[in-house]
């Protein structure tokens, strides 16, 4: 998996809808499941959302936690 994609999931806010402004990595699984059934948006947003969906449905949330730590420490430098 591409590190930049993972970093983008914790740095990119949802641009619309009920969770507008919430980071893609923090979207609830129920919201991501709805998109998975209806179709993720096209382009980068959909790719980020589907990546987070796969991470969360496979119980790998720890990856997102670690990426958030890396992103926040990089922002302090």
C-alpha atoms as a PDB file:
ATOM      1  CA  UNK A   1       0.000   0.000   0.000  1.00  0.00           C
ATOM      2  CA  UNK A   2       1.233   3.462  -0.910  1.00  0.00           C
ATOM      3  CA  UNK A   3       2.284   5.580   2.110  1.00  0.00           C
ATOM      4  CA  UNK A   4       0.988   8.745   0.433  1.00  0.00           C
ATOM      5  CA  UNK A   5      -2.482   7.209   0.101  1.00  0.00           C
ATOM      6  CA  UNK A   6      -2.495   6.336   3.796  1.00  0.00           C
ATOM      7  CA  UNK A   7      -1.337   9.823   4.743  1.00  0.00           C
ATOM      8  CA  UNK A   8      -4.019  11.326   2.517  1.00  0.00           C
ATOM      9  CA  UNK A   9      -6.718   9.338   4.352  1.00  0.00           C
ATOM     10  CA  UNK A  10      -5.813  11.124   7.607  1.00  0.00           C
ATOM     11  CA  UNK A  11      -5.290  14.553   6.021  1.00  0.00           C
ATOM     12  CA  UNK A  12      -8.247  14.797   3.638  1.00  0.00           C
ATOM     13  CA  UNK A  13     -11.591  16.055   4.944  1.00  0.00           C
ATOM     14  CA  UNK A  14     -14.884  14.755   3.600  1.00  0.00           C
ATOM     15  CA  UNK A  15     -16.028  17.500   1.194  1.00  0.00           C
ATOM     16  CA  UNK A  16     -19.805  16.947   1.433  1.00  0.00           C
ATOM     17  CA  UNK A  17     -22.661  15.252   3.225  1.00  0.00           C
ATOM     18  CA  UNK A  18     -23.416  14.364   6.792  1.00  0.00           C
ATOM     19  CA  UNK A  19     -19.738  14.101   7.715  1.00  0.00           C
ATOM     20  CA  UNK A  20     -18.481  17.148   5.811  1.00  0.00           C
ATOM     21  CA  UNK A  21     -15.175  18.288   7.311  1.00  0.00           C
ATOM     22  CA  UNK A  22     -14.458  14.983   9.083  1.00  0.00           C
ATOM     23  CA  UNK A  23     -11.224  13.300   8.011  1.00  0.00           C
ATOM     24  CA  UNK A  24     -11.744  10.374   5.635  1.00  0.00           C
ATOM     25  CA  UNK A  25      -9.976   8.062   8.104  1.00  0.00           C
ATOM     26  CA  UNK A  26     -12.509   9.001  10.804  1.00  0.00           C
ATOM     27  CA  UNK A  27     -15.657   8.238   8.812  1.00  0.00           C
ATOM     28  CA  UNK A  28     -17.839   5.637  10.535  1.00  0.00           C
ATOM     29  CA  UNK A  29     -17.892   2.181   9.012  1.00  0.00           C
ATOM     30  CA  UNK A  30     -21.676   2.374   8.543  1.00  0.00           C
ATOM     31  CA  UNK A  31     -21.233   5.422   6.272  1.00  0.00           C
ATOM     32  CA  UNK A  32     -18.489   3.677   4.307  1.00  0.00           C
ATOM     33  CA  UNK A  33     -20.644   0.548   3.997  1.00  0.00           C
ATOM     34  CA  UNK A  34     -23.443   2.646   2.522  1.00  0.00           C
ATOM     35  CA  UNK A  35     -21.061   4.062  -0.079  1.00  0.00           C
ATOM     36  CA  UNK A  36     -19.701   0.600  -0.798  1.00  0.00           C
ATOM     37  CA  UNK A  37     -23.236  -0.566  -1.633  1.00  0.00           C
ATOM     38  CA  UNK A  38     -24.188   2.568  -3.611  1.00  0.00           C
ATOM     39  CA  UNK A  39     -20.794   3.227  -5.180  1.00  0.00           C
ATOM     40  CA  UNK A  40     -17.890   5.308  -3.947  1.00  0.00           C
ATOM     41  CA  UNK A  41     -17.452   8.723  -5.560  1.00  0.00           C
ATOM     42  CA  UNK A  42     -15.182   8.798  -8.606  1.00  0.00           C
ATOM     43  CA  UNK A  43     -11.558   9.830  -8.438  1.00  0.00           C
ATOM     44  CA  UNK A  44      -9.249  10.267  -5.503  1.00  0.00           C
ATOM     45  CA  UNK A  45     -12.021  10.730  -2.928  1.00  0.00           C
ATOM     46  CA  UNK A  46     -13.583   7.386  -3.766  1.00  0.00           C
ATOM     47  CA  UNK A  47     -10.204   5.680  -3.729  1.00  0.00           C
ATOM     48  CA  UNK A  48      -9.439   7.090  -0.262  1.00  0.00           C
ATOM     49  CA  UNK A  49     -12.860   6.110   1.047  1.00  0.00           C
ATOM     50  CA  UNK A  50     -12.594   2.581  -0.330  1.00  0.00           C
ATOM     51  CA  UNK A  51      -9.116   2.250   1.180  1.00  0.00           C
ATOM     52  CA  UNK A  52     -10.428   3.211   4.625  1.00  0.00           C
ATOM     53  CA  UNK A  53     -13.396   0.879   4.125  1.00  0.00           C
ATOM     54  CA  UNK A  54     -11.045  -2.054   3.431  1.00  0.00           C
ATOM     55  CA  UNK A  55      -8.836  -1.189   6.406  1.00  0.00           C
ATOM     56  CA  UNK A  56     -11.769  -0.934   8.798  1.00  0.00           C
ATOM     57  CA  UNK A  57     -13.670  -3.992   7.563  1.00  0.00           C
ATOM     58  CA  UNK A  58     -10.528  -6.094   7.957  1.00  0.00           C
ATOM     59  CA  UNK A  59      -9.993  -4.930  11.546  1.00  0.00           C
ATOM     60  CA  UNK A  60      -6.817  -3.037  10.735  1.00  0.00           C
ATOM     61  CA  UNK A  61      -7.799   0.264  12.378  1.00  0.00           C
ATOM     62  CA  UNK A  62      -4.421   0.257  14.141  1.00  0.00           C
ATOM     63  CA  UNK A  63      -2.857   1.227  10.803  1.00  0.00           C
ATOM     64  CA  UNK A  64      -4.919   4.424  10.727  1.00  0.00           C
ATOM     65  CA  UNK A  65      -4.004   5.202  14.336  1.00  0.00           C
ATOM     66  CA  UNK A  66      -0.291   4.880  13.540  1.00  0.00           C
ATOM     67  CA  UNK A  67      -0.596   6.958  10.369  1.00  0.00           C
ATOM     68  CA  UNK A  68      -2.366   9.713  12.380  1.00  0.00           C
ATOM     69  CA  UNK A  69       0.565   9.717  14.807  1.00  0.00           C
ATOM     70  CA  UNK A  70       3.082   9.976  11.967  1.00  0.00           C
ATOM     71  CA  UNK A  71       1.084  12.780  10.304  1.00  0.00           C
ATOM     72  CA  UNK A  72       0.765  14.769  13.525  1.00  0.00           C
ATOM     73  CA  UNK A  73       4.457  14.436  14.379  1.00  0.00           C
ATOM     74  CA  UNK A  74       5.405  15.473  10.832  1.00  0.00           C
ATOM     75  CA  UNK A  75       3.189  18.545  11.188  1.00  0.00           C
ATOM     76  CA  UNK A  76       5.101  19.642  14.290  1.00  0.00           C
ATOM     77  CA  UNK A  77       8.477  19.636  12.522  1.00  0.00           C
END
